[in-house]
Amino acid sequence: MDNVIEIQNIVKNYQVGSVIVRALRSVSIDIKRNEYVAIMGPSGSGKSTLMNLLGCLDTPTSGAYILNGTDVSKMEDDYLAEIRNKEIGFVFQTFNLLPRYSALECHITFNICRCC
């Protein structure tokens, strides 16, 4: 199994009042270990929704998400938090630093780097 990510027919719907918004419709993708992938598309095409699913920040309405051989698509929040802690790294558009700390202070205070 070379795939680190397997997305099979993922659907994500949101209910906004009485309206159902179909954010993703039967998306499938396989991403192999060490493969670089860009997710591109116009505004409103579902890129952020897909990234939230890939990052285990949300779960799909239907379909399967296999991460490193484990189906995470139906996991509860506590298990998803453990997966995020051990399997996934995030790089945010904004740095999300604590406003009272500099990057260096965060590094020292919270031992962010495992090499020290």
PDB file of N, CA and C in Angstrom:
ATOM      1  N   MET A   1       0.850  -1.188   0.000  1.00  0.00           N
ATOM      2  CA  MET A   1       0.000   0.000   0.000  1.00  0.00           C
ATOM      3  C   MET A   1       0.892   1.246   0.000  1.00  0.00           C
ATOM      4  N   ASP A   2       0.967   1.893  -1.132  1.00  0.00           N
ATOM      5  CA  ASP A   2       1.751   3.117  -1.255  1.00  0.00           C
ATOM      6  C   ASP A   2       0.941   4.366  -0.929  1.00  0.00           C
ATOM      7  N   ASN A   3      -0.390   4.248  -0.915  1.00  0.00           N
ATOM      8  CA  ASN A   3      -1.227   5.421  -0.654  1.00  0.00           C
ATOM      9  C   ASN A   3      -1.205   5.780   0.821  1.00  0.00           C
ATOM     10  N   VAL A   4      -0.926   7.045   1.094  1.00  0.00           N
ATOM     11  CA  VAL A   4      -1.033   7.530   2.465  1.00  0.00           C
ATOM     12  C   VAL A   4      -2.441   8.084   2.695  1.00  0.00           C
ATOM     13  N   ILE A   5      -3.067   8.562   1.626  1.00  0.00           N
ATOM     14  CA  ILE A   5      -4.435   9.081   1.679  1.00  0.00           C
ATOM     15  C   ILE A   5      -5.247   8.445   0.563  1.00  0.00           C
ATOM     16  N   GLU A   6      -6.409   7.917   0.922  1.00  0.00           N
ATOM     17  CA  GLU A   6      -7.373   7.418  -0.052  1.00  0.00           C
ATOM     18  C   GLU A   6      -8.728   8.035   0.284  1.00  0.00           C
ATOM     19  N   ILE A   7      -9.232   8.818  -0.641  1.00  0.00           N
ATOM     20  CA  ILE A   7     -10.554   9.427  -0.498  1.00  0.00           C
ATOM     21  C   ILE A   7     -11.449   8.727  -1.517  1.00  0.00           C
ATOM     22  N   GLN A   8     -12.536   8.124  -1.048  1.00  0.00           N
ATOM     23  CA  GLN A   8     -13.408   7.356  -1.934  1.00  0.00           C
ATOM     24  C   GLN A   8     -14.833   7.894  -1.880  1.00  0.00           C
ATOM     25  N   ASN A   9     -15.248   8.540  -2.964  1.00  0.00           N
ATOM     26  CA  ASN A   9     -16.620   9.040  -3.111  1.00  0.00           C
ATOM     27  C   ASN A   9     -17.081   9.884  -1.924  1.00  0.00           C
ATOM     28  N   ILE A  10     -16.236  10.819  -1.497  1.00  0.00           N
ATOM     29  CA  ILE A  10     -16.562  11.682  -0.358  1.00  0.00           C
ATOM     30  C   ILE A  10     -17.641  12.686  -0.751  1.00  0.00           C
ATOM     31  N   VAL A  11     -18.639  12.778   0.102  1.00  0.00           N
ATOM     32  CA  VAL A  11     -19.703  13.767  -0.020  1.00  0.00           C
ATOM     33  C   VAL A  11     -19.734  14.550   1.274  1.00  0.00           C
ATOM     34  N   LYS A  12     -19.852  15.874   1.183  1.00  0.00           N
ATOM     35  CA  LYS A  12     -20.020  16.702   2.384  1.00  0.00           C
ATOM     36  C   LYS A  12     -21.143  17.691   2.127  1.00  0.00           C
ATOM     37  N   ASN A  13     -22.186  17.573   2.926  1.00  0.00           N
ATOM     38  CA  ASN A  13     -23.328  18.480   2.861  1.00  0.00           C
ATOM     39  C   ASN A  13     -23.433  19.249   4.165  1.00  0.00           C
ATOM     40  N   TYR A  14     -23.822  20.498   4.070  1.00  0.00           N
ATOM     41  CA  TYR A  14     -24.104  21.334   5.238  1.00  0.00           C
ATOM     42  C   TYR A  14     -25.551  21.784   5.151  1.00  0.00           C
ATOM     43  N   GLN A  15     -26.206  21.849   6.289  1.00  0.00           N
ATOM     44  CA  GLN A  15     -27.560  22.391   6.297  1.00  0.00           C
ATOM     45  C   GLN A  15     -27.503  23.815   6.844  1.00  0.00           C
ATOM     46  N   VAL A  16     -27.982  24.753   6.043  1.00  0.00           N
ATOM     47  CA  VAL A  16     -28.046  26.162   6.428  1.00  0.00           C
ATOM     48  C   VAL A  16     -29.529  26.537   6.415  1.00  0.00           C
ATOM     49  N   GLY A  17     -30.109  26.570   7.608  1.00  0.00           N
ATOM     50  CA  GLY A  17     -31.556  26.768   7.687  1.00  0.00           C
ATOM     51  C   GLY A  17     -32.255  25.584   7.054  1.00  0.00           C
ATOM     52  N   SER A  18     -33.106  25.837   6.086  1.00  0.00           N
ATOM     53  CA  SER A  18     -33.809  24.751   5.400  1.00  0.00           C
ATOM     54  C   SER A  18     -33.111  24.344   4.093  1.00  0.00           C
ATOM     55  N   VAL A  19     -31.966  24.960   3.813  1.00  0.00           N
ATOM     56  CA  VAL A  19     -31.243  24.703   2.561  1.00  0.00           C
ATOM     57  C   VAL A  19     -30.073  23.748   2.824  1.00  0.00           C
ATOM     58  N   ILE A  20     -29.926  22.760   1.956  1.00  0.00           N
ATOM     59  CA  ILE A  20     -28.773  21.860   2.025  1.00  0.00           C
ATOM     60  C   ILE A  20     -27.738  22.334   1.006  1.00  0.00           C
ATOM     61  N   VAL A  21     -26.535  22.642   1.510  1.00  0.00           N
ATOM     62  CA  VAL A  21     -25.433  23.064   0.652  1.00  0.00           C
ATOM     63  C   VAL A  21     -24.560  21.847   0.378  1.00  0.00           C
ATOM     64  N   ARG A  22     -24.390  21.510  -0.871  1.00  0.00           N
ATOM     65  CA  ARG A  22     -23.580  20.359  -1.273  1.00  0.00           C
ATOM     66  C   ARG A  22     -22.158  20.846  -1.567  1.00  0.00           C
ATOM     67  N   ALA A  23     -21.309  20.787  -0.537  1.00  0.00           N
ATOM     68  CA  ALA A  23     -19.957  21.329  -0.647  1.00  0.00           C
ATOM     69  C   ALA A  23     -19.033  20.414  -1.453  1.00  0.00           C
ATOM     70  N   LEU A  24     -19.171  19.108  -1.277  1.00  0.00           N
ATOM     71  CA  LEU A  24     -18.386  18.130  -2.043  1.00  0.00           C
ATOM     72  C   LEU A  24     -19.333  17.060  -2.566  1.00  0.00           C
ATOM     73  N   ARG A  25     -19.136  16.687  -3.820  1.00  0.00           N
ATOM     74  CA  ARG A  25     -20.009  15.685  -4.452  1.00  0.00           C
ATOM     75  C   ARG A  25     -19.161  14.560  -5.030  1.00  0.00           C
ATOM     76  N   SER A  26     -19.096  13.464  -4.327  1.00  0.00           N
ATOM     77  CA  SER A  26     -18.430  12.246  -4.800  1.00  0.00           C
ATOM     78  C   SER A  26     -16.988  12.493  -5.264  1.00  0.00           C
ATOM     79  N   VAL A  27     -16.167  13.016  -4.347  1.00  0.00           N
ATOM     80  CA  VAL A  27     -14.756  13.278  -4.634  1.00  0.00           C
ATOM     81  C   VAL A  27     -13.932  12.043  -4.288  1.00  0.00           C
ATOM     82  N   SER A  28     -13.066  11.646  -5.201  1.00  0.00           N
ATOM     83  CA  SER A  28     -12.154  10.524  -4.971  1.00  0.00           C
ATOM     84  C   SER A  28     -10.748  10.948  -5.357  1.00  0.00           C
ATOM     85  N   ILE A  29      -9.782  10.569  -4.527  1.00  0.00           N
ATOM     86  CA  ILE A  29      -8.375  10.874  -4.812  1.00  0.00           C
ATOM     87  C   ILE A  29      -7.501   9.914  -4.015  1.00  0.00           C
ATOM     88  N   ASP A  30      -6.398   9.522  -4.599  1.00  0.00           N
ATOM     89  CA  ASP A  30      -5.374   8.745  -3.906  1.00  0.00           C
ATOM     90  C   ASP A  30      -4.099   9.572  -3.915  1.00  0.00           C
ATOM     91  N   ILE A  31      -3.460   9.675  -2.769  1.00  0.00           N
ATOM     92  CA  ILE A  31      -2.195  10.390  -2.661  1.00  0.00           C
ATOM     93  C   ILE A  31      -1.162   9.420  -2.114  1.00  0.00           C
ATOM     94  N   LYS A  32      -0.112   9.224  -2.873  1.00  0.00           N
ATOM     95  CA  LYS A  32       0.933   8.285  -2.496  1.00  0.00           C
ATOM     96  C   LYS A  32       1.941   8.938  -1.547  1.00  0.00           C
ATOM     97  N   ARG A  33       2.624   8.118  -0.810  1.00  0.00           N
ATOM     98  CA  ARG A  33       3.676   8.588   0.097  1.00  0.00           C
ATOM     99  C   ARG A  33       4.711   9.368  -0.714  1.00  0.00           C
ATOM    100  N   ASN A  34       5.139  10.513  -0.180  1.00  0.00           N
ATOM    101  CA  ASN A  34       6.133  11.403  -0.793  1.00  0.00           C
ATOM    102  C   ASN A  34       5.640  12.101  -2.053  1.00  0.00           C
ATOM    103  N   GLU A  35       4.365  12.054  -2.343  1.00  0.00           N
ATOM    104  CA  GLU A  35       3.805  12.740  -3.504  1.00  0.00           C
ATOM    105  C   GLU A  35       3.359  14.139  -3.087  1.00  0.00           C
ATOM    106  N   TYR A  36       3.606  15.120  -3.936  1.00  0.00           N
ATOM    107  CA  TYR A  36       3.168  16.489  -3.700  1.00  0.00           C
ATOM    108  C   TYR A  36       1.917  16.743  -4.520  1.00  0.00           C
ATOM    109  N   VAL A  37       0.905  17.329  -3.887  1.00  0.00           N
ATOM    110  CA  VAL A  37      -0.383  17.556  -4.537  1.00  0.00           C
ATOM    111  C   VAL A  37      -0.816  18.989  -4.285  1.00  0.00           C
ATOM    112  N   ALA A  38      -1.338  19.639  -5.312  1.00  0.00           N
ATOM    113  CA  ALA A  38      -1.923  20.974  -5.177  1.00  0.00           C
ATOM    114  C   ALA A  38      -3.426  20.857  -5.386  1.00  0.00           C
ATOM    115  N   ILE A  39      -4.183  21.459  -4.501  1.00  0.00           N
ATOM    116  CA  ILE A  39      -5.636  21.495  -4.641  1.00  0.00           C
ATOM    117  C   ILE A  39      -5.995  22.892  -5.112  1.00  0.00           C
ATOM    118  N   MET A  40      -6.505  22.963  -6.336  1.00  0.00           N
ATOM    119  CA  MET A  40      -6.776  24.257  -6.959  1.00  0.00           C
ATOM    120  C   MET A  40      -8.207  24.290  -7.466  1.00  0.00           C
ATOM    121  N   GLY A  41      -8.765  25.496  -7.508  1.00  0.00           N
ATOM    122  CA  GLY A  41     -10.106  25.667  -8.051  1.00  0.00           C
ATOM    123  C   GLY A  41     -10.637  27.031  -7.690  1.00  0.00           C
ATOM    124  N   PRO A  42     -11.734  27.407  -8.311  1.00  0.00           N
ATOM    125  CA  PRO A  42     -12.312  28.724  -8.041  1.00  0.00           C
ATOM    126  C   PRO A  42     -12.925  28.795  -6.641  1.00  0.00           C
ATOM    127  N   SER A  43     -13.173  30.002  -6.207  1.00  0.00           N
ATOM    128  CA  SER A  43     -13.826  30.236  -4.926  1.00  0.00           C
ATOM    129  C   SER A  43     -15.153  29.482  -4.882  1.00  0.00           C
ATOM    130  N   GLY A  44     -15.387  28.792  -3.769  1.00  0.00           N
ATOM    131  CA  GLY A  44     -16.637  28.064  -3.606  1.00  0.00           C
ATOM    132  C   GLY A  44     -16.638  26.667  -4.198  1.00  0.00           C
ATOM    133  N   SER A  45     -15.478  26.199  -4.663  1.00  0.00           N
ATOM    134  CA  SER A  45     -15.443  24.879  -5.309  1.00  0.00           C
ATOM    135  C   SER A  45     -15.242  23.723  -4.327  1.00  0.00           C
ATOM    136  N   GLY A  46     -15.010  24.028  -3.037  1.00  0.00           N
ATOM    137  CA  GLY A  46     -14.887  22.969  -2.035  1.00  0.00           C
ATOM    138  C   GLY A  46     -13.474  22.698  -1.554  1.00  0.00           C
ATOM    139  N   LYS A  47     -12.517  23.552  -1.929  1.00  0.00           N
ATOM    140  CA  LYS A  47     -11.114  23.326  -1.525  1.00  0.00           C
ATOM    141  C   LYS A  47     -10.967  23.314  -0.002  1.00  0.00           C
ATOM    142  N   SER A  48     -11.508  24.310   0.669  1.00  0.00           N
ATOM    143  CA  SER A  48     -11.379  24.385   2.133  1.00  0.00           C
ATOM    144  C   SER A  48     -12.117  23.245   2.809  1.00  0.00           C
ATOM    145  N   THR A  49     -13.264  22.881   2.281  1.00  0.00           N
ATOM    146  CA  THR A  49     -14.008  21.750   2.837  1.00  0.00           C
ATOM    147  C   THR A  49     -13.186  20.479   2.724  1.00  0.00           C
ATOM    148  N   LEU A  50     -12.580  20.257   1.562  1.00  0.00           N
ATOM    149  CA  LEU A  50     -11.740  19.077   1.371  1.00  0.00           C
ATOM    150  C   LEU A  50     -10.541  19.105   2.306  1.00  0.00           C
ATOM    151  N   MET A  51      -9.913  20.263   2.464  1.00  0.00           N
ATOM    152  CA  MET A  51      -8.753  20.366   3.364  1.00  0.00           C
ATOM    153  C   MET A  51      -9.157  20.093   4.817  1.00  0.00           C
ATOM    154  N   ASN A  52     -10.337  20.555   5.228  1.00  0.00           N
ATOM    155  CA  ASN A  52     -10.815  20.275   6.586  1.00  0.00           C
ATOM    156  C   ASN A  52     -11.037  18.780   6.794  1.00  0.00           C
ATOM    157  N   LEU A  53     -11.518  18.108   5.765  1.00  0.00           N
ATOM    158  CA  LEU A  53     -11.689  16.659   5.857  1.00  0.00           C
ATOM    159  C   LEU A  53     -10.340  15.950   5.889  1.00  0.00           C
ATOM    160  N   LEU A  54      -9.422  16.362   5.013  1.00  0.00           N
ATOM    161  CA  LEU A  54      -8.093  15.746   4.977  1.00  0.00           C
ATOM    162  C   LEU A  54      -7.355  15.926   6.297  1.00  0.00           C
ATOM    163  N   GLY A  55      -7.554  17.080   6.938  1.00  0.00           N
ATOM    164  CA  GLY A  55      -6.899  17.368   8.207  1.00  0.00           C
ATOM    165  C   GLY A  55      -7.627  16.814   9.410  1.00  0.00           C
ATOM    166  N   CYS A  56      -8.675  16.029   9.184  1.00  0.00           N
ATOM    167  CA  CYS A  56      -9.480  15.423  10.260  1.00  0.00           C
ATOM    168  C   CYS A  56     -10.103  16.477  11.175  1.00  0.00           C
ATOM    169  N   LEU A  57     -10.376  17.648  10.616  1.00  0.00           N
ATOM    170  CA  LEU A  57     -11.078  18.692  11.364  1.00  0.00           C
ATOM    171  C   LEU A  57     -12.588  18.561  11.200  1.00  0.00           C
ATOM    172  N   ASP A  58     -13.009  17.747  10.236  1.00  0.00           N
ATOM    173  CA  ASP A  58     -14.419  17.528   9.949  1.00  0.00           C
ATOM    174  C   ASP A  58     -14.566  16.109   9.416  1.00  0.00           C
ATOM    175  N   THR A  59     -15.788  15.604   9.385  1.00  0.00           N
ATOM    176  CA  THR A  59     -16.046  14.267   8.858  1.00  0.00           C
ATOM    177  C   THR A  59     -17.005  14.369   7.676  1.00  0.00           C
ATOM    178  N   PRO A  60     -16.896  13.446   6.735  1.00  0.00           N
ATOM    179  CA  PRO A  60     -17.752  13.508   5.553  1.00  0.00           C
ATOM    180  C   PRO A  60     -19.186  13.063   5.854  1.00  0.00           C
ATOM    181  N   THR A  61     -20.094  13.523   5.028  1.00  0.00           N
ATOM    182  CA  THR A  61     -21.478  13.072   5.108  1.00  0.00           C
ATOM    183  C   THR A  61     -21.558  11.604   4.686  1.00  0.00           C
ATOM    184  N   SER A  62     -20.826  11.262   3.634  1.00  0.00           N
ATOM    185  CA  SER A  62     -20.721   9.869   3.203  1.00  0.00           C
ATOM    186  C   SER A  62     -19.409   9.686   2.450  1.00  0.00           C
ATOM    187  N   GLY A  63     -19.079   8.428   2.210  1.00  0.00           N
ATOM    188  CA  GLY A  63     -17.819   8.108   1.563  1.00  0.00           C
ATOM    189  C   GLY A  63     -16.794   7.657   2.585  1.00  0.00           C
ATOM    190  N   ALA A  64     -15.610   7.326   2.115  1.00  0.00           N
ATOM    191  CA  ALA A  64     -14.554   6.808   2.998  1.00  0.00           C
ATOM    192  C   ALA A  64     -13.288   7.643   2.860  1.00  0.00           C
ATOM    193  N   TYR A  65     -12.641   7.857   3.994  1.00  0.00           N
ATOM    194  CA  TYR A  65     -11.335   8.521   4.040  1.00  0.00           C
ATOM    195  C   TYR A  65     -10.394   7.581   4.777  1.00  0.00           C
ATOM    196  N   ILE A  66      -9.442   7.015   4.043  1.00  0.00           N
ATOM    197  CA  ILE A  66      -8.460   6.097   4.609  1.00  0.00           C
ATOM    198  C   ILE A  66      -7.135   6.848   4.729  1.00  0.00           C
ATOM    199  N   LEU A  67      -6.645   7.003   5.957  1.00  0.00           N
ATOM    200  CA  LEU A  67      -5.380   7.688   6.230  1.00  0.00           C
ATOM    201  C   LEU A  67      -4.401   6.660   6.790  1.00  0.00           C
ATOM    202  N   ASN A  68      -3.326   6.412   6.058  1.00  0.00           N
ATOM    203  CA  ASN A  68      -2.321   5.415   6.472  1.00  0.00           C
ATOM    204  C   ASN A  68      -2.965   4.077   6.835  1.00  0.00           C
ATOM    205  N   GLY A  69      -3.940   3.649   6.030  1.00  0.00           N
ATOM    206  CA  GLY A  69      -4.567   2.349   6.239  1.00  0.00           C
ATOM    207  C   GLY A  69      -5.696   2.328   7.245  1.00  0.00           C
ATOM    208  N   THR A  70      -6.014   3.460   7.876  1.00  0.00           N
ATOM    209  CA  THR A  70      -7.078   3.535   8.875  1.00  0.00           C
ATOM    210  C   THR A  70      -8.229   4.374   8.345  1.00  0.00           C
ATOM    211  N   ASP A  71      -9.438   3.838   8.418  1.00  0.00           N
ATOM    212  CA  ASP A  71     -10.615   4.591   7.996  1.00  0.00           C
ATOM    213  C   ASP A  71     -10.963   5.602   9.083  1.00  0.00           C
ATOM    214  N   VAL A  72     -10.720   6.877   8.798  1.00  0.00           N
ATOM    215  CA  VAL A  72     -10.973   7.929   9.780  1.00  0.00           C
ATOM    216  C   VAL A  72     -12.296   8.650   9.509  1.00  0.00           C
ATOM    217  N   SER A  73     -13.018   8.232   8.472  1.00  0.00           N
ATOM    218  CA  SER A  73     -14.212   8.966   8.049  1.00  0.00           C
ATOM    219  C   SER A  73     -15.367   8.901   9.041  1.00  0.00           C
ATOM    220  N   LYS A  74     -15.382   7.906   9.901  1.00  0.00           N
ATOM    221  CA  LYS A  74     -16.487   7.777  10.851  1.00  0.00           C
ATOM    222  C   LYS A  74     -16.029   7.879  12.309  1.00  0.00           C
ATOM    223  N   MET A  75     -14.793   8.321  12.517  1.00  0.00           N
ATOM    224  CA  MET A  75     -14.250   8.406  13.884  1.00  0.00           C
ATOM    225  C   MET A  75     -14.886   9.548  14.674  1.00  0.00           C
ATOM    226  N   GLU A  76     -14.959   9.343  15.973  1.00  0.00           N
ATOM    227  CA  GLU A  76     -15.445  10.382  16.895  1.00  0.00           C
ATOM    228  C   GLU A  76     -14.348  11.422  17.104  1.00  0.00           C
ATOM    229  N   ASP A  77     -14.744  12.582  17.645  1.00  0.00           N
ATOM    230  CA  ASP A  77     -13.840  13.723  17.815  1.00  0.00           C
ATOM    231  C   ASP A  77     -12.576  13.387  18.602  1.00  0.00           C
ATOM    232  N   ASP A  78     -12.701  12.606  19.675  1.00  0.00           N
ATOM    233  CA  ASP A  78     -11.520  12.280  20.492  1.00  0.00           C
ATOM    234  C   ASP A  78     -10.481  11.497  19.687  1.00  0.00           C
ATOM    235  N   TYR A  79     -10.945  10.570  18.868  1.00  0.00           N
ATOM    236  CA  TYR A  79     -10.034   9.780  18.044  1.00  0.00           C
ATOM    237  C   TYR A  79      -9.425  10.635  16.930  1.00  0.00           C
ATOM    238  N   LEU A  80     -10.245  11.535  16.366  1.00  0.00           N
ATOM    239  CA  LEU A  80      -9.725  12.432  15.328  1.00  0.00           C
ATOM    240  C   LEU A  80      -8.649  13.347  15.907  1.00  0.00           C
ATOM    241  N   ALA A  81      -8.833  13.807  17.150  1.00  0.00           N
ATOM    242  CA  ALA A  81      -7.823  14.651  17.801  1.00  0.00           C
ATOM    243  C   ALA A  81      -6.513  13.886  17.965  1.00  0.00           C
ATOM    244  N   GLU A  82      -6.612  12.608  18.289  1.00  0.00           N
ATOM    245  CA  GLU A  82      -5.402  11.785  18.430  1.00  0.00           C
ATOM    246  C   GLU A  82      -4.711  11.605  17.072  1.00  0.00           C
ATOM    247  N   ILE A  83      -5.484  11.398  16.025  1.00  0.00           N
ATOM    248  CA  ILE A  83      -4.927  11.286  14.668  1.00  0.00           C
ATOM    249  C   ILE A  83      -4.225  12.584  14.282  1.00  0.00           C
ATOM    250  N   ARG A  84      -4.881  13.733  14.552  1.00  0.00           N
ATOM    251  CA  ARG A  84      -4.260  15.025  14.230  1.00  0.00           C
ATOM    252  C   ARG A  84      -2.965  15.206  14.998  1.00  0.00           C
ATOM    253  N   ASN A  85      -2.926  14.757  16.220  1.00  0.00           N
ATOM    254  CA  ASN A  85      -1.751  14.910  17.061  1.00  0.00           C
ATOM    255  C   ASN A  85      -0.577  14.059  16.553  1.00  0.00           C
ATOM    256  N   LYS A  86      -0.859  12.869  16.062  1.00  0.00           N
ATOM    257  CA  LYS A  86       0.201  11.932  15.720  1.00  0.00           C
ATOM    258  C   LYS A  86       0.501  11.821  14.231  1.00  0.00           C
ATOM    259  N   GLU A  87      -0.458  12.128  13.369  1.00  0.00           N
ATOM    260  CA  GLU A  87      -0.312  11.829  11.949  1.00  0.00           C
ATOM    261  C   GLU A  87      -0.266  13.044  11.031  1.00  0.00           C
ATOM    262  N   ILE A  88      -0.779  14.191  11.473  1.00  0.00           N
ATOM    263  CA  ILE A  88      -1.003  15.310  10.559  1.00  0.00           C
ATOM    264  C   ILE A  88      -0.281  16.553  11.057  1.00  0.00           C
ATOM    265  N   GLY A  89       0.338  17.280  10.141  1.00  0.00           N
ATOM    266  CA  GLY A  89       0.939  18.571  10.454  1.00  0.00           C
ATOM    267  C   GLY A  89       0.228  19.654   9.671  1.00  0.00           C
ATOM    268  N   PHE A  90       0.051  20.807  10.265  1.00  0.00           N
ATOM    269  CA  PHE A  90      -0.652  21.913   9.625  1.00  0.00           C
ATOM    270  C   PHE A  90       0.295  23.078   9.395  1.00  0.00           C
ATOM    271  N   VAL A  91       0.165  23.711   8.252  1.00  0.00           N
ATOM    272  CA  VAL A  91       0.821  24.991   7.980  1.00  0.00           C
ATOM    273  C   VAL A  91      -0.305  25.947   7.614  1.00  0.00           C
ATOM    274  N   PHE A  92      -0.540  26.922   8.471  1.00  0.00           N
ATOM    275  CA  PHE A  92      -1.660  27.843   8.287  1.00  0.00           C
ATOM    276  C   PHE A  92      -1.241  29.049   7.455  1.00  0.00           C
ATOM    277  N   GLN A  93      -2.211  29.646   6.770  1.00  0.00           N
ATOM    278  CA  GLN A  93      -1.939  30.863   6.018  1.00  0.00           C
ATOM    279  C   GLN A  93      -1.521  31.983   6.958  1.00  0.00           C
ATOM    280  N   THR A  94      -2.211  32.083   8.087  1.00  0.00           N
ATOM    281  CA  THR A  94      -1.795  33.021   9.127  1.00  0.00           C
ATOM    282  C   THR A  94      -1.046  32.202  10.166  1.00  0.00           C
ATOM    283  N   PHE A  95      -0.131  32.816  10.852  1.00  0.00           N
ATOM    284  CA  PHE A  95       0.798  32.058  11.683  1.00  0.00           C
ATOM    285  C   PHE A  95       0.202  31.526  12.969  1.00  0.00           C
ATOM    286  N   ASN A  96      -0.928  32.090  13.413  1.00  0.00           N
ATOM    287  CA  ASN A  96      -1.607  31.601  14.607  1.00  0.00           C
ATOM    288  C   ASN A  96      -0.689  31.528  15.830  1.00  0.00           C
ATOM    289  N   LEU A  97       0.211  32.485  15.946  1.00  0.00           N
ATOM    290  CA  LEU A  97       1.040  32.544  17.145  1.00  0.00           C
ATOM    291  C   LEU A  97       0.227  33.143  18.287  1.00  0.00           C
ATOM    292  N   LEU A  98       0.622  32.813  19.481  1.00  0.00           N
ATOM    293  CA  LEU A  98      -0.023  33.441  20.628  1.00  0.00           C
ATOM    294  C   LEU A  98       0.429  34.890  20.669  1.00  0.00           C
ATOM    295  N   PRO A  99      -0.498  35.843  20.752  1.00  0.00           N
ATOM    296  CA  PRO A  99      -0.135  37.250  20.585  1.00  0.00           C
ATOM    297  C   PRO A  99       0.862  37.768  21.630  1.00  0.00           C
ATOM    298  N   ARG A 100       0.916  37.144  22.784  1.00  0.00           N
ATOM    299  CA  ARG A 100       1.824  37.641  23.817  1.00  0.00           C
ATOM    300  C   ARG A 100       3.230  37.066  23.698  1.00  0.00           C
ATOM    301  N   TYR A 101       3.447  36.122  22.752  1.00  0.00           N
ATOM    302  CA  TYR A 101       4.744  35.492  22.575  1.00  0.00           C
ATOM    303  C   TYR A 101       5.291  35.749  21.173  1.00  0.00           C
ATOM    304  N   SER A 102       6.603  35.875  21.076  1.00  0.00           N
ATOM    305  CA  SER A 102       7.242  35.897  19.764  1.00  0.00           C
ATOM    306  C   SER A 102       7.403  34.441  19.310  1.00  0.00           C
ATOM    307  N   ALA A 103       7.806  34.220  18.062  1.00  0.00           N
ATOM    308  CA  ALA A 103       8.036  32.865  17.562  1.00  0.00           C
ATOM    309  C   ALA A 103       9.099  32.165  18.397  1.00  0.00           C
ATOM    310  N   LEU A 104      10.170  32.883  18.741  1.00  0.00           N
ATOM    311  CA  LEU A 104      11.245  32.293  19.542  1.00  0.00           C
ATOM    312  C   LEU A 104      10.739  31.931  20.944  1.00  0.00           C
ATOM    313  N   GLU A 105       9.954  32.810  21.558  1.00  0.00           N
ATOM    314  CA  GLU A 105       9.410  32.523  22.894  1.00  0.00           C
ATOM    315  C   GLU A 105       8.478  31.314  22.860  1.00  0.00           C
ATOM    316  N   CYS A 106       7.666  31.176  21.804  1.00  0.00           N
ATOM    317  CA  CYS A 106       6.806  29.996  21.658  1.00  0.00           C
ATOM    318  C   CYS A 106       7.656  28.739  21.563  1.00  0.00           C
ATOM    319  N   HIS A 107       8.725  28.822  20.780  1.00  0.00           N
ATOM    320  CA  HIS A 107       9.617  27.684  20.597  1.00  0.00           C
ATOM    321  C   HIS A 107      10.208  27.244  21.944  1.00  0.00           C
ATOM    322  N   ILE A 108      10.701  28.203  22.705  1.00  0.00           N
ATOM    323  CA  ILE A 108      11.336  27.897  23.993  1.00  0.00           C
ATOM    324  C   ILE A 108      10.308  27.463  25.033  1.00  0.00           C
ATOM    325  N   THR A 109       9.208  28.209  25.146  1.00  0.00           N
ATOM    326  CA  THR A 109       8.206  27.962  26.180  1.00  0.00           C
ATOM    327  C   THR A 109       7.476  26.644  25.965  1.00  0.00           C
ATOM    328  N   PHE A 110       7.116  26.353  24.723  1.00  0.00           N
ATOM    329  CA  PHE A 110       6.286  25.179  24.458  1.00  0.00           C
ATOM    330  C   PHE A 110       7.054  24.026  23.833  1.00  0.00           C
ATOM    331  N   ASN A 111       8.385  24.167  23.744  1.00  0.00           N
ATOM    332  CA  ASN A 111       9.235  23.110  23.205  1.00  0.00           C
ATOM    333  C   ASN A 111       8.691  22.580  21.888  1.00  0.00           C
ATOM    334  N   ILE A 112       8.440  23.505  20.966  1.00  0.00           N
ATOM    335  CA  ILE A 112       7.834  23.151  19.682  1.00  0.00           C
ATOM    336  C   ILE A 112       8.743  22.243  18.872  1.00  0.00           C
ATOM    337  N   CYS A 113      10.015  22.500  18.891  1.00  0.00           N
ATOM    338  CA  CYS A 113      10.957  21.699  18.120  1.00  0.00           C
ATOM    339  C   CYS A 113      11.361  20.476  18.935  1.00  0.00           C
ATOM    340  N   ARG A 114      11.287  19.300  18.320  1.00  0.00           N
ATOM    341  CA  ARG A 114      11.641  18.073  19.035  1.00  0.00           C
ATOM    342  C   ARG A 114      13.147  17.802  19.012  1.00  0.00           C
ATOM    343  N   CYS A 115      13.904  18.690  18.352  1.00  0.00           N
ATOM    344  CA  CYS A 115      15.348  18.448  18.271  1.00  0.00           C
ATOM    345  C   CYS A 115      16.083  19.016  19.480  1.00  0.00           C
ATOM    346  N   CYS A 116      15.414  19.792  20.314  1.00  0.00           N
ATOM    347  CA  CYS A 116      16.075  20.428  21.457  1.00  0.00           C
ATOM    348  C   CYS A 116      15.797  19.688  22.747  1.00  0.00           C
TER     349      CYS A 116
END
